[in-house]
Every structure is written in C-alpha cells, then in structure tokens.
Amino acid sequence: LLLMDPHISSTTMADEKEQQLREKIAFTTVADEKEQQLREKIASQKTHMANLPTLQSIVDETGFTSPATKARAQLIKELSDNEEQLELLLESKRVAAVIRLQDELHPPQNSEDCPICLETIKHVNYRTISRLFCCGGFICRQCSDRKIDTQKMLIKCPLCRENIPYTYDYEEIRSMVLGHSNKGKAWAQTQIGIWYLGEESGSNFFAFDEEKGLQFLKQAADQRDPDAFLEMALAYRTGTLDMDESKHMYYLKEAADLGHPGAQRELGLAYESSHDEKDRLHYITPVACCTLGSYFMCAECGLTKSLILAKHYSDKSLGLEDDEESNLVSFSACDFSCALLALDIERYKGIVEIPGHSPIPKALFWARKSLELANDSFPYGTIQLISDV
C-alpha cells in the first residue's frame, strides 16, 4: 500500500532529481577547480619561460642535440601538455552541455544497467551492448570487449545461466532469436530482418528475402527500436526500398534521437548538404568521431580552429578494425598525422629535429597507414604531408 501512495512516489522522484542535481553541481565544481588550477599553472609557466632564451637562440648556439636544447624543449612540452589538458577540459564541458540538451529534448527511453559492471547503459542499441541470444538480455559493449581482450569468453549467460551458443552455431542461434521474435521482442525482429537482407553474413541464418526482411524491420520500427529505425533509413537511401530522401531523414532522426551513435553520425553528415551547421554539430558532438576532428581542423560549424582537438578526435578513430570502416580510419590517420605535425611545428616554432621531441616519425607512420587503408576515396592530404616532410 505504501508503494502505491502517490505522495511517497512523488517524494522519491523529487529525491532522485535532487541527487542528480547534487552530482551535477559536484562534477561542475571539480571541473571548475581543475580549470582554475591549470590556468594558474600555465600562466606561471609562461612567465618563467618569457625570461629564458628562445629555443631558436639555444639551437643556433649549441645545436639540436645539446642538453640545453633538450631542457628548453622539455619546458615547452610541459607547458603544451597543460594547455592540452585545459583545452580538453573545456571541450568536455561543451560536449556535456550538448548531451544534456539532447537528453532534455529526447529523454532516454530504454536505459538499463549492465549485469556485469552495473554501469548504466543510457541508450540500448547494437553499438552499446552485446546481446545474449539465450534469454535476450545483454551486457555492455565495454564488458564484452574486455572479455574478448582477455580471452575470457562467456560460457554461461550471466543472467539466465544457460550455455551461450558458439558464434558458428547458426541453427541454435536462429532458433533462439526466432523464439524471441515470436514473443514480439523488437530487437529480435530487427536481427531477423537484418539477416534476411544480409546477402553474405545473413545467408548463414536465412536465404535472402527482401520482403520478409522489411516486414520484420517494420514490426520492430513500430515498437520504436533504434536499430530498426536506422536499418529502415538505410533501406530508403540505398534503394532496398524506393529511394525516398524524406523517409530516409525521418527514420534516421528517429534513431538519432533515441541515442543511436551510428544514426547520430549519419544524420550529422546528412545535414552537411543542407548547410544546417547547428544541427550538424549537435548530432556529431555526442559521437566524438573523426568528423568532429575535421571540423576543428578547418574551423567549421562555428567552432574555433584547434589542432589539439583535431588530433584528439582523429585519434579516437584510429583503433577501428572493421573493414567497412577502413576509409574512415584512413582519413582519421591523415587528419591525425597532419594535426600532430602542425601542432608541434607551432609549439616548437618550426624546429622539429630535436631528438625526443620530433613529431616526424609518428606523423609519417600514420601518414603511411592512411595510404595503406585508403580504398574508394583518397586522402590527398597524406601525399602532401609526406612530400612536405
């Protein structure tokens, strides 16, 4: 009876909101204190270095490899590291504000906790979770990746304790997912739809059938499944369904507003053609992908040019291993190498030959990697960088 009391229920909600507000204030206070400390430290370092001989004068007098040159370069590095920390801190505040606005406009609909690490998964979709086909539950992507990295694969489901089928046990996996689909589970309907439409990977489960695939996707989309929305958007863009730009954008925005990172990135890129810089930046920011690095590199979407943030966001995409993402990694590697080289040229006033402080080896490594990974598109900036170096 107490649980049904509306007064107690409203009080509990008020307490939760108060706790969230306290946590937000505490986080903001810590960030503000850190920012103030960094600003004071940077100011002190600059004052100290202003009274020292310039790096160029030391190099001219003692050479690139002298202890005096290396000591002066180390001071520059320490100052640069603090400036980088400050810029990343300020960027984290901007990103937090964008995510907070998105959550206010489109509150998370399906947040759940990971049963292993107990961290809250704010938006459940295939980019954030690893699905357990036995019972239909899931664990977060981080826990799944951690198990793979440590070669400690899950044998029994952490939720239902049933044996988890092997990756290549297609018959058992198909039977499990069909069972969940028959119970009206949207994620299972989406998975079956993808299998029917997947000419290669899906053929292990079902023969290609466009009509059935779309039927399952539409059933899942009717339940507002974000993965289904994204697949429907792609179907209207690629011609699986009659190409329709308005429907493509509708389904893409629905998926993006449900927090799907793949849809947010696609929607941000789609807004490029409409020159809608505000919405483009709004949807690209939460994804924190290399596209955002390009925006900082070229000062697009009203952002101030920042080589530090261009390097930071390009770096985030360098670890992608999916073959379909090779072009993305190629351009990320190109942007990363260009930002790295330009940043150190700026910091060391064009002196990039000092041992231990030269960006050239790392910049050339990623420039060559960019060329190796390039497929359909060609990162011409890489050739320019290599020739310049």
Foldseek 3Di string as FASTA:
>chain_A
DVVPPVVVVVVVVVVVVVVVVVVVVVVVVVLVVLLVVLVVVLVVLVVVCVPPDALVVCCVVPNQADPVNVVNVVSLVVSVVSVLVNVVSVLVVVLVVLVVVLCVVQPADDWDAFPPPRDIDSFDDPVFWDFQLQVRHTGTPVVCVVCVVVVNHDQADPPPRHGGDDPLPQVVSLVSLVVVVVVLDLVSLQVLLCLLCDCPPSVSHPHNDLVSSLVSLVSSVVVLHLSSLQVQLVCLCVVSDPNDNVSNLVSLVSSLSNPDLVSLQVNLVVCVVVVPLVSNCSSNSNNLALVVLVCLCVVPSVRDNDLSSNLVSLVVPCPDDDLVCLLVNLVSLLSNLVSQQVVLCVSSVNDQPRPPRHSVVVSLVSLVSSQVSHDPDHDVSSVVVVVVD
